[in-house]
Amino acid sequence: MKLPFAAVAASLVCLSVASAQTTTAPAAPGAAVPVPATKRVGCLGSTQNLQGQDKRDQMQLCMAQARLDCLKQAIDQKLVGEARKSAIKTCVGTDGAEQQ
C-alpha cells in the first residue's frame, strides 16, 4: 500500500520535531553535539503545501525559530566564538546556503 506523499512528509516533520525536543546532557565546552535531522529539513517539509510568498514567509519564520533554538542550545552548552558559529550552522543545517 502506498502512502500519500503528504503523509510521509508529515511523518518526517514530526520525527524532526521530536528529535529536536529530546534533551541530552550538555556536552563538554567546545564540542558540538551531532543532530540527526537538521531543522532546515523540518522547515522545508512544513512548507511543502504552500506556494509563492506564503511559502517564503513561512520558511523565513521557521528558519528564524530554528536559529533561535540552536542559539539557545549553543548558549546552554557554553559554546563561544567559532565553536558556537559552527554548532549553530550544523544544528540549523544551512551549511552556508541561504534560504529561498
C-alpha atoms as a PDB file:
ATOM      1  CA  MET A   1       0.000   0.000   0.000  1.00  0.00           C
ATOM      2  CA  LYS A   2       1.437   3.360  -0.990  1.00  0.00           C
ATOM      3  CA  LEU A   3       1.200   6.279   1.401  1.00  0.00           C
ATOM      4  CA  PRO A   4       0.426   9.735   0.031  1.00  0.00           C
ATOM      5  CA  PHE A   5       3.482  11.956  -0.184  1.00  0.00           C
ATOM      6  CA  ALA A   6       1.940  14.467   2.252  1.00  0.00           C
ATOM      7  CA  ALA A   7       1.546  11.764   4.905  1.00  0.00           C
ATOM      8  CA  VAL A   8       5.169  10.706   4.522  1.00  0.00           C
ATOM      9  CA  ALA A   9       6.368  14.315   4.674  1.00  0.00           C
ATOM     10  CA  ALA A  10       4.228  14.995   7.746  1.00  0.00           C
ATOM     11  CA  SER A  11       5.781  11.969   9.436  1.00  0.00           C
ATOM     12  CA  LEU A  12       9.261  13.295   8.686  1.00  0.00           C
ATOM     13  CA  VAL A  13       8.353  16.689  10.134  1.00  0.00           C
ATOM     14  CA  CYS A  14       7.046  15.031  13.285  1.00  0.00           C
ATOM     15  CA  LEU A  15      10.232  13.000  13.574  1.00  0.00           C
ATOM     16  CA  SER A  16      12.430  16.057  13.190  1.00  0.00           C
ATOM     17  CA  VAL A  17      10.388  17.993  15.752  1.00  0.00           C
ATOM     18  CA  ALA A  18      10.519  15.053  18.163  1.00  0.00           C
ATOM     19  CA  SER A  19      14.273  14.716  17.759  1.00  0.00           C
ATOM     20  CA  ALA A  20      14.705  18.459  18.295  1.00  0.00           C
ATOM     21  CA  GLN A  21      12.726  18.264  21.532  1.00  0.00           C
ATOM     22  CA  THR A  22      14.744  15.470  23.087  1.00  0.00           C
ATOM     23  CA  THR A  23      17.020  16.606  25.850  1.00  0.00           C
ATOM     24  CA  THR A  24      20.577  15.490  26.277  1.00  0.00           C
ATOM     25  CA  ALA A  25      23.235  16.212  28.834  1.00  0.00           C
ATOM     26  CA  PRO A  26      25.330  19.251  27.918  1.00  0.00           C
ATOM     27  CA  ALA A  27      28.494  18.375  26.055  1.00  0.00           C
ATOM     28  CA  ALA A  28      31.920  19.490  27.095  1.00  0.00           C
ATOM     29  CA  PRO A  29      32.595  23.132  26.187  1.00  0.00           C
ATOM     30  CA  GLY A  30      33.796  23.428  22.616  1.00  0.00           C
ATOM     31  CA  ALA A  31      32.268  20.118  21.496  1.00  0.00           C
ATOM     32  CA  ALA A  32      29.398  20.223  19.010  1.00  0.00           C
ATOM     33  CA  VAL A  33      26.524  17.809  19.616  1.00  0.00           C
ATOM     34  CA  PRO A  34      25.514  15.932  16.448  1.00  0.00           C
ATOM     35  CA  VAL A  35      21.905  16.444  15.353  1.00  0.00           C
ATOM     36  CA  PRO A  36      20.259  13.558  13.454  1.00  0.00           C
ATOM     37  CA  ALA A  37      17.997  15.680  11.257  1.00  0.00           C
ATOM     38  CA  THR A  38      18.524  19.373  10.622  1.00  0.00           C
ATOM     39  CA  LYS A  39      15.861  21.882  11.427  1.00  0.00           C
ATOM     40  CA  ARG A  40      16.012  23.124   7.829  1.00  0.00           C
ATOM     41  CA  VAL A  41      14.631  19.779   6.647  1.00  0.00           C
ATOM     42  CA  GLY A  42      11.719  20.199   9.045  1.00  0.00           C
ATOM     43  CA  CYS A  43      11.056  23.698   7.743  1.00  0.00           C
ATOM     44  CA  LEU A  44      11.101  22.507   4.138  1.00  0.00           C
ATOM     45  CA  GLY A  45       8.632  19.751   4.978  1.00  0.00           C
ATOM     46  CA  SER A  46       6.295  22.060   6.853  1.00  0.00           C
ATOM     47  CA  THR A  47       6.052  24.498   3.923  1.00  0.00           C
ATOM     48  CA  GLN A  48       5.616  21.999   1.094  1.00  0.00           C
ATOM     49  CA  ASN A  49       1.870  22.612   0.718  1.00  0.00           C
ATOM     50  CA  LEU A  50       2.332  26.365   0.381  1.00  0.00           C
ATOM     51  CA  GLN A  51       3.243  28.353  -2.698  1.00  0.00           C
ATOM     52  CA  GLY A  52       4.694  31.705  -3.602  1.00  0.00           C
ATOM     53  CA  GLN A  53       5.018  34.396  -0.963  1.00  0.00           C
ATOM     54  CA  ASP A  54       3.220  32.324   1.685  1.00  0.00           C
ATOM     55  CA  LYS A  55       5.855  29.608   1.326  1.00  0.00           C
ATOM     56  CA  ARG A  56       8.726  32.107   1.526  1.00  0.00           C
ATOM     57  CA  ASP A  57       7.208  33.814   4.573  1.00  0.00           C
ATOM     58  CA  GLN A  58       6.639  30.569   6.453  1.00  0.00           C
ATOM     59  CA  MET A  59      10.115  29.324   5.562  1.00  0.00           C
ATOM     60  CA  GLN A  60      11.673  32.526   6.909  1.00  0.00           C
ATOM     61  CA  LEU A  61       9.681  32.293  10.142  1.00  0.00           C
ATOM     62  CA  CYS A  62      10.537  28.633  10.593  1.00  0.00           C
ATOM     63  CA  MET A  63      14.246  29.187   9.941  1.00  0.00           C
ATOM     64  CA  ALA A  64      14.346  32.169  12.313  1.00  0.00           C
ATOM     65  CA  GLN A  65      12.832  29.999  15.050  1.00  0.00           C
ATOM     66  CA  ALA A  66      15.298  27.213  14.216  1.00  0.00           C
ATOM     67  CA  ARG A  67      18.261  29.612  14.517  1.00  0.00           C
ATOM     68  CA  LEU A  68      16.934  30.864  17.857  1.00  0.00           C
ATOM     69  CA  ASP A  69      16.532  27.300  19.165  1.00  0.00           C
ATOM     70  CA  CYS A  70      20.043  26.414  18.023  1.00  0.00           C
ATOM     71  CA  LEU A  71      21.490  29.571  19.584  1.00  0.00           C
ATOM     72  CA  LYS A  72      19.824  28.720  22.901  1.00  0.00           C
ATOM     73  CA  GLN A  73      21.276  25.222  22.679  1.00  0.00           C
ATOM     74  CA  ALA A  74      24.774  26.601  21.979  1.00  0.00           C
ATOM     75  CA  ILE A  75      24.486  29.018  24.904  1.00  0.00           C
ATOM     76  CA  ASP A  76      23.379  26.186  27.214  1.00  0.00           C
ATOM     77  CA  GLN A  77      26.467  24.263  26.082  1.00  0.00           C
ATOM     78  CA  LYS A  78      28.578  27.350  26.851  1.00  0.00           C
ATOM     79  CA  LEU A  79      29.968  27.455  23.301  1.00  0.00           C
ATOM     80  CA  VAL A  80      31.673  30.661  22.172  1.00  0.00           C
ATOM     81  CA  GLY A  81      33.353  32.022  19.062  1.00  0.00           C
ATOM     82  CA  GLU A  82      33.859  29.713  16.098  1.00  0.00           C
ATOM     83  CA  ALA A  83      32.613  26.687  18.043  1.00  0.00           C
ATOM     84  CA  ARG A  84      29.255  28.448  18.562  1.00  0.00           C
ATOM     85  CA  LYS A  85      29.034  29.508  14.907  1.00  0.00           C
ATOM     86  CA  SER A  86      29.815  26.018  13.727  1.00  0.00           C
ATOM     87  CA  ALA A  87      27.360  24.393  16.137  1.00  0.00           C
ATOM     88  CA  ILE A  88      24.552  26.724  15.043  1.00  0.00           C
ATOM     89  CA  LYS A  89      25.218  26.117  11.337  1.00  0.00           C
ATOM     90  CA  THR A  90      25.285  22.372  11.909  1.00  0.00           C
ATOM     91  CA  CYS A  91      22.144  22.463  14.052  1.00  0.00           C
ATOM     92  CA  VAL A  92      20.140  24.602  11.629  1.00  0.00           C
ATOM     93  CA  GLY A  93      21.516  22.772   8.606  1.00  0.00           C
ATOM     94  CA  THR A  94      22.325  25.764   6.453  1.00  0.00           C
ATOM     95  CA  ASP A  95      25.984  24.901   5.797  1.00  0.00           C
ATOM     96  CA  GLY A  96      26.402  28.335   4.271  1.00  0.00           C
ATOM     97  CA  ALA A  97      23.373  28.008   1.971  1.00  0.00           C
ATOM     98  CA  GLU A  98      20.942  30.882   2.155  1.00  0.00           C
ATOM     99  CA  GLN A  99      17.230  30.366   2.345  1.00  0.00           C
ATOM    100  CA  GLN A 100      14.911  30.733  -0.641  1.00  0.00           C
END
